[in-house]
């Protein structure tokens, strides 16, 4: 039997609140998570902030 790779073993649903990327970084740090998924108030699109190995934070914004 071939290994099908990683499996999704947990799923969550939550309301995404509009906020700035800076506010999202604060929430990420408050929760102690490595990333935070939110609605970017500047673009009205889905976005993710994430902690980088160099200690800085990255931002991924949904494209137009």
PDB file of N, CA and C in Angstrom:
ATOM      1  N   UNK A   1       0.849  -1.182   0.000  1.00  0.00           N
ATOM      2  CA  UNK A   1       0.000   0.000   0.000  1.00  0.00           C
ATOM      3  C   UNK A   1       0.890   1.239   0.000  1.00  0.00           C
ATOM      4  N   UNK A   2       0.619   2.143  -0.943  1.00  0.00           N
ATOM      5  CA  UNK A   2       1.384   3.390  -1.031  1.00  0.00           C
ATOM      6  C   UNK A   2       0.923   4.382   0.018  1.00  0.00           C
ATOM      7  N   UNK A   3       1.883   5.132   0.562  1.00  0.00           N
ATOM      8  CA  UNK A   3       1.561   6.195   1.507  1.00  0.00           C
ATOM      9  C   UNK A   3       0.965   7.357   0.718  1.00  0.00           C
ATOM     10  N   UNK A   4      -0.218   7.788   1.119  1.00  0.00           N
ATOM     11  CA  UNK A   4      -0.900   8.880   0.417  1.00  0.00           C
ATOM     12  C   UNK A   4      -0.418  10.254   0.885  1.00  0.00           C
ATOM     13  N   UNK A   5       0.534  10.279   1.808  1.00  0.00           N
ATOM     14  CA  UNK A   5       1.044  11.563   2.299  1.00  0.00           C
ATOM     15  C   UNK A   5       0.294  12.025   3.526  1.00  0.00           C
ATOM     16  N   UNK A   6       0.539  13.256   3.913  1.00  0.00           N
ATOM     17  CA  UNK A   6      -0.112  13.783   5.119  1.00  0.00           C
ATOM     18  C   UNK A   6      -1.634  13.783   4.991  1.00  0.00           C
ATOM     19  N   UNK A   7      -2.284  13.563   6.121  1.00  0.00           N
ATOM     20  CA  UNK A   7      -3.748  13.576   6.174  1.00  0.00           C
ATOM     21  C   UNK A   7      -4.212  14.781   6.966  1.00  0.00           C
ATOM     22  N   UNK A   8      -5.353  15.311   6.627  1.00  0.00           N
ATOM     23  CA  UNK A   8      -5.980  16.356   7.427  1.00  0.00           C
ATOM     24  C   UNK A   8      -6.655  15.652   8.595  1.00  0.00           C
ATOM     25  N   UNK A   9      -6.191  15.956   9.808  1.00  0.00           N
ATOM     26  CA  UNK A   9      -6.715  15.266  10.986  1.00  0.00           C
ATOM     27  C   UNK A   9      -7.492  16.196  11.914  1.00  0.00           C
ATOM     28  N   UNK A  10      -7.493  17.487  11.604  1.00  0.00           N
ATOM     29  CA  UNK A  10      -8.238  18.437  12.406  1.00  0.00           C
ATOM     30  C   UNK A  10      -8.715  19.565  11.501  1.00  0.00           C
ATOM     31  N   UNK A  11      -9.905  20.037  11.763  1.00  0.00           N
ATOM     32  CA  UNK A  11     -10.474  21.116  10.971  1.00  0.00           C
ATOM     33  C   UNK A  11     -11.129  22.123  11.915  1.00  0.00           C
ATOM     34  N   UNK A  12     -10.979  23.408  11.617  1.00  0.00           N
ATOM     35  CA  UNK A  12     -11.593  24.465  12.424  1.00  0.00           C
ATOM     36  C   UNK A  12     -12.334  25.423  11.514  1.00  0.00           C
ATOM     37  N   UNK A  13     -13.365  26.032  12.067  1.00  0.00           N
ATOM     38  CA  UNK A  13     -14.095  27.096  11.374  1.00  0.00           C
ATOM     39  C   UNK A  13     -14.153  28.281  12.324  1.00  0.00           C
ATOM     40  N   UNK A  14     -13.968  29.478  11.796  1.00  0.00           N
ATOM     41  CA  UNK A  14     -14.034  30.661  12.641  1.00  0.00           C
ATOM     42  C   UNK A  14     -14.399  31.865  11.793  1.00  0.00           C
ATOM     43  N   UNK A  15     -14.926  32.880  12.449  1.00  0.00           N
ATOM     44  CA  UNK A  15     -15.275  34.122  11.761  1.00  0.00           C
ATOM     45  C   UNK A  15     -13.997  34.942  11.569  1.00  0.00           C
ATOM     46  N   UNK A  16     -13.767  35.362  10.340  1.00  0.00           N
ATOM     47  CA  UNK A  16     -12.591  36.190  10.048  1.00  0.00           C
ATOM     48  C   UNK A  16     -12.978  37.652  10.219  1.00  0.00           C
ATOM     49  N   UNK A  17     -12.252  38.319  11.086  1.00  0.00           N
ATOM     50  CA  UNK A  17     -12.525  39.730  11.345  1.00  0.00           C
ATOM     51  C   UNK A  17     -11.583  40.603  10.522  1.00  0.00           C
ATOM     52  N   UNK A  18     -12.102  41.677   9.923  1.00  0.00           N
ATOM     53  CA  UNK A  18     -11.225  42.607   9.214  1.00  0.00           C
ATOM     54  C   UNK A  18     -10.271  43.274  10.200  1.00  0.00           C
ATOM     55  N   UNK A  19      -8.991  43.311   9.857  1.00  0.00           N
ATOM     56  CA  UNK A  19      -7.983  43.977  10.685  1.00  0.00           C
ATOM     57  C   UNK A  19      -6.769  44.289   9.841  1.00  0.00           C
ATOM     58  N   UNK A  20      -5.911  45.124  10.377  1.00  0.00           N
ATOM     59  CA  UNK A  20      -4.667  45.446   9.678  1.00  0.00           C
ATOM     60  C   UNK A  20      -3.680  44.297   9.870  1.00  0.00           C
ATOM     61  N   UNK A  21      -2.698  44.198   8.990  1.00  0.00           N
ATOM     62  CA  UNK A  21      -1.672  43.168   9.190  1.00  0.00           C
ATOM     63  C   UNK A  21      -0.984  43.306  10.549  1.00  0.00           C
ATOM     64  N   UNK A  22      -0.780  44.527  11.016  1.00  0.00           N
ATOM     65  CA  UNK A  22      -0.146  44.727  12.322  1.00  0.00           C
ATOM     66  C   UNK A  22      -1.010  44.181  13.450  1.00  0.00           C
ATOM     67  N   UNK A  23      -2.325  44.392  13.361  1.00  0.00           N
ATOM     68  CA  UNK A  23      -3.233  43.822  14.362  1.00  0.00           C
ATOM     69  C   UNK A  23      -3.205  42.298  14.302  1.00  0.00           C
ATOM     70  N   UNK A  24      -3.130  41.746  13.098  1.00  0.00           N
ATOM     71  CA  UNK A  24      -3.074  40.297  12.941  1.00  0.00           C
ATOM     72  C   UNK A  24      -1.801  39.718  13.559  1.00  0.00           C
ATOM     73  N   UNK A  25      -0.685  40.427  13.419  1.00  0.00           N
ATOM     74  CA  UNK A  25       0.562  39.987  14.053  1.00  0.00           C
ATOM     75  C   UNK A  25       0.372  39.948  15.568  1.00  0.00           C
ATOM     76  N   UNK A  26      -0.277  40.964  16.122  1.00  0.00           N
ATOM     77  CA  UNK A  26      -0.544  40.989  17.557  1.00  0.00           C
ATOM     78  C   UNK A  26      -1.388  39.813  18.005  1.00  0.00           C
ATOM     79  N   UNK A  27      -2.410  39.476  17.231  1.00  0.00           N
ATOM     80  CA  UNK A  27      -3.264  38.317  17.557  1.00  0.00           C
ATOM     81  C   UNK A  27      -2.468  37.024  17.477  1.00  0.00           C
ATOM     82  N   UNK A  28      -1.642  36.902  16.435  1.00  0.00           N
ATOM     83  CA  UNK A  28      -0.819  35.707  16.265  1.00  0.00           C
ATOM     84  C   UNK A  28       0.080  35.517  17.488  1.00  0.00           C
ATOM     85  N   UNK A  29       0.719  36.604  17.916  1.00  0.00           N
ATOM     86  CA  UNK A  29       1.620  36.527  19.070  1.00  0.00           C
ATOM     87  C   UNK A  29       0.841  36.229  20.345  1.00  0.00           C
ATOM     88  N   UNK A  30      -0.319  36.842  20.515  1.00  0.00           N
ATOM     89  CA  UNK A  30      -1.150  36.613  21.694  1.00  0.00           C
ATOM     90  C   UNK A  30      -1.562  35.143  21.808  1.00  0.00           C
ATOM     91  N   UNK A  31      -1.890  34.554  20.662  1.00  0.00           N
ATOM     92  CA  UNK A  31      -2.308  33.151  20.640  1.00  0.00           C
ATOM     93  C   UNK A  31      -1.135  32.174  20.688  1.00  0.00           C
ATOM     94  N   UNK A  32       0.067  32.680  20.418  1.00  0.00           N
ATOM     95  CA  UNK A  32       1.237  31.804  20.409  1.00  0.00           C
ATOM     96  C   UNK A  32       1.294  30.901  19.189  1.00  0.00           C
ATOM     97  N   UNK A  33       0.680  31.340  18.099  1.00  0.00           N
ATOM     98  CA  UNK A  33       0.664  30.549  16.864  1.00  0.00           C
ATOM     99  C   UNK A  33       1.774  31.010  15.923  1.00  0.00           C
ATOM    100  N   UNK A  34       2.089  30.177  14.934  1.00  0.00           N
ATOM    101  CA  UNK A  34       3.092  30.513  13.944  1.00  0.00           C
ATOM    102  C   UNK A  34       2.519  31.270  12.760  1.00  0.00           C
ATOM    103  N   UNK A  35       1.190  31.368  12.693  1.00  0.00           N
ATOM    104  CA  UNK A  35       0.536  32.097  11.600  1.00  0.00           C
ATOM    105  C   UNK A  35      -0.820  32.579  12.081  1.00  0.00           C
ATOM    106  N   UNK A  36      -1.417  33.513  11.328  1.00  0.00           N
ATOM    107  CA  UNK A  36      -2.761  33.990  11.635  1.00  0.00           C
ATOM    108  C   UNK A  36      -3.450  34.361  10.330  1.00  0.00           C
ATOM    109  N   UNK A  37      -4.636  33.807  10.119  1.00  0.00           N
ATOM    110  CA  UNK A  37      -5.438  33.997   8.915  1.00  0.00           C
ATOM    111  C   UNK A  37      -6.486  35.068   9.215  1.00  0.00           C
ATOM    112  N   UNK A  38      -6.612  36.081   8.354  1.00  0.00           N
ATOM    113  CA  UNK A  38      -7.510  37.194   8.638  1.00  0.00           C
ATOM    114  C   UNK A  38      -7.952  37.853   7.345  1.00  0.00           C
ATOM    115  N   UNK A  39      -8.905  38.785   7.444  1.00  0.00           N
ATOM    116  CA  UNK A  39      -9.295  39.630   6.321  1.00  0.00           C
ATOM    117  C   UNK A  39      -8.532  40.938   6.451  1.00  0.00           C
ATOM    118  N   UNK A  40      -7.720  41.245   5.446  1.00  0.00           N
ATOM    119  CA  UNK A  40      -6.920  42.462   5.446  1.00  0.00           C
ATOM    120  C   UNK A  40      -7.848  43.655   5.238  1.00  0.00           C
ATOM    121  N   UNK A  41      -7.943  44.516   6.241  1.00  0.00           N
ATOM    122  CA  UNK A  41      -8.859  45.656   6.173  1.00  0.00           C
ATOM    123  C   UNK A  41      -8.478  46.623   5.046  1.00  0.00           C
ATOM    124  N   UNK A  42      -7.198  46.623   4.653  1.00  0.00           N
ATOM    125  CA  UNK A  42      -6.730  47.520   3.588  1.00  0.00           C
ATOM    126  C   UNK A  42      -7.135  47.035   2.195  1.00  0.00           C
ATOM    127  N   UNK A  43      -7.299  45.715   2.032  1.00  0.00           N
ATOM    128  CA  UNK A  43      -7.602  45.152   0.711  1.00  0.00           C
ATOM    129  C   UNK A  43      -8.956  44.448   0.650  1.00  0.00           C
ATOM    130  N   UNK A  44      -9.582  44.189   1.795  1.00  0.00           N
ATOM    131  CA  UNK A  44     -10.834  43.420   1.916  1.00  0.00           C
ATOM    132  C   UNK A  44     -10.670  41.996   1.387  1.00  0.00           C
ATOM    133  N   UNK A  45      -9.450  41.479   1.417  1.00  0.00           N
ATOM    134  CA  UNK A  45      -9.167  40.128   0.924  1.00  0.00           C
ATOM    135  C   UNK A  45      -8.552  39.281   2.030  1.00  0.00           C
ATOM    136  N   UNK A  46      -8.613  37.966   1.820  1.00  0.00           N
ATOM    137  CA  UNK A  46      -8.009  37.029   2.761  1.00  0.00           C
ATOM    138  C   UNK A  46      -6.496  37.223   2.784  1.00  0.00           C
ATOM    139  N   UNK A  47      -5.910  37.067   3.967  1.00  0.00           N
ATOM    140  CA  UNK A  47      -4.469  37.231   4.117  1.00  0.00           C
ATOM    141  C   UNK A  47      -3.973  36.364   5.273  1.00  0.00           C
ATOM    142  N   UNK A  48      -2.674  36.137   5.288  1.00  0.00           N
ATOM    143  CA  UNK A  48      -2.025  35.378   6.359  1.00  0.00           C
ATOM    144  C   UNK A  48      -0.749  36.104   6.753  1.00  0.00           C
ATOM    145  N   UNK A  49      -0.544  36.272   8.054  1.00  0.00           N
ATOM    146  CA  UNK A  49       0.761  36.681   8.549  1.00  0.00           C
ATOM    147  C   UNK A  49       1.387  35.432   9.166  1.00  0.00           C
ATOM    148  N   UNK A  50       2.707  35.322   9.067  1.00  0.00           N
ATOM    149  CA  UNK A  50       3.377  34.137   9.586  1.00  0.00           C
ATOM    150  C   UNK A  50       4.756  34.500  10.110  1.00  0.00           C
ATOM    151  N   UNK A  51       5.172  33.794  11.153  1.00  0.00           N
ATOM    152  CA  UNK A  51       6.496  33.999  11.706  1.00  0.00           C
ATOM    153  C   UNK A  51       7.548  33.332  10.847  1.00  0.00           C
ATOM    154  N   UNK A  52       8.618  34.066  10.577  1.00  0.00           N
ATOM    155  CA  UNK A  52       9.716  33.546   9.767  1.00  0.00           C
ATOM    156  C   UNK A  52      10.843  33.074  10.679  1.00  0.00           C
ATOM    157  N   UNK A  53      11.688  32.198  10.159  1.00  0.00           N
ATOM    158  CA  UNK A  53      12.807  31.678  10.934  1.00  0.00           C
ATOM    159  C   UNK A  53      13.783  32.771  11.350  1.00  0.00           C
ATOM    160  N   UNK A  54      13.843  33.871  10.592  1.00  0.00           N
ATOM    161  CA  UNK A  54      14.783  34.958  10.924  1.00  0.00           C
ATOM    162  C   UNK A  54      14.219  35.891  11.996  1.00  0.00           C
ATOM    163  N   UNK A  55      13.019  35.574  12.510  1.00  0.00           N
ATOM    164  CA  UNK A  55      12.424  36.373  13.562  1.00  0.00           C
ATOM    165  C   UNK A  55      11.488  37.461  13.068  1.00  0.00           C
ATOM    166  N   UNK A  56      11.487  37.724  11.768  1.00  0.00           N
ATOM    167  CA  UNK A  56      10.573  38.705  11.190  1.00  0.00           C
ATOM    168  C   UNK A  56       9.234  38.035  10.884  1.00  0.00           C
ATOM    169  N   UNK A  57       8.329  38.798  10.300  1.00  0.00           N
ATOM    170  CA  UNK A  57       6.992  38.290   9.979  1.00  0.00           C
ATOM    171  C   UNK A  57       6.757  38.470   8.482  1.00  0.00           C
ATOM    172  N   UNK A  58       6.162  37.463   7.839  1.00  0.00           N
ATOM    173  CA  UNK A  58       5.780  37.542   6.440  1.00  0.00           C
ATOM    174  C   UNK A  58       4.285  37.794   6.314  1.00  0.00           C
ATOM    175  N   UNK A  59       3.890  38.338   5.179  1.00  0.00           N
ATOM    176  CA  UNK A  59       2.481  38.599   4.871  1.00  0.00           C
ATOM    177  C   UNK A  59       2.166  38.007   3.507  1.00  0.00           C
ATOM    178  N   UNK A  60       1.125  37.196   3.449  1.00  0.00           N
ATOM    179  CA  UNK A  60       0.625  36.663   2.181  1.00  0.00           C
ATOM    180  C   UNK A  60      -0.768  37.241   1.993  1.00  0.00           C
ATOM    181  N   UNK A  61      -0.957  37.978   0.911  1.00  0.00           N
ATOM    182  CA  UNK A  61      -2.247  38.580   0.579  1.00  0.00           C
ATOM    183  C   UNK A  61      -2.856  37.878  -0.620  1.00  0.00           C
ATOM    184  N   UNK A  62      -4.180  37.706  -0.587  1.00  0.00           N
ATOM    185  CA  UNK A  62      -4.888  37.132  -1.726  1.00  0.00           C
ATOM    186  C   UNK A  62      -4.723  38.071  -2.926  1.00  0.00           C
ATOM    187  N   UNK A  63      -4.478  37.494  -4.106  1.00  0.00           N
ATOM    188  CA  UNK A  63      -4.287  38.291  -5.325  1.00  0.00           C
ATOM    189  C   UNK A  63      -5.619  38.816  -5.854  1.00  0.00           C
ATOM    190  N   UNK A  64      -5.534  39.842  -6.676  1.00  0.00           N
ATOM    191  CA  UNK A  64      -6.730  40.402  -7.329  1.00  0.00           C
ATOM    192  C   UNK A  64      -7.341  39.408  -8.263  1.00  0.00           C
TER     193      UNK A  64
END
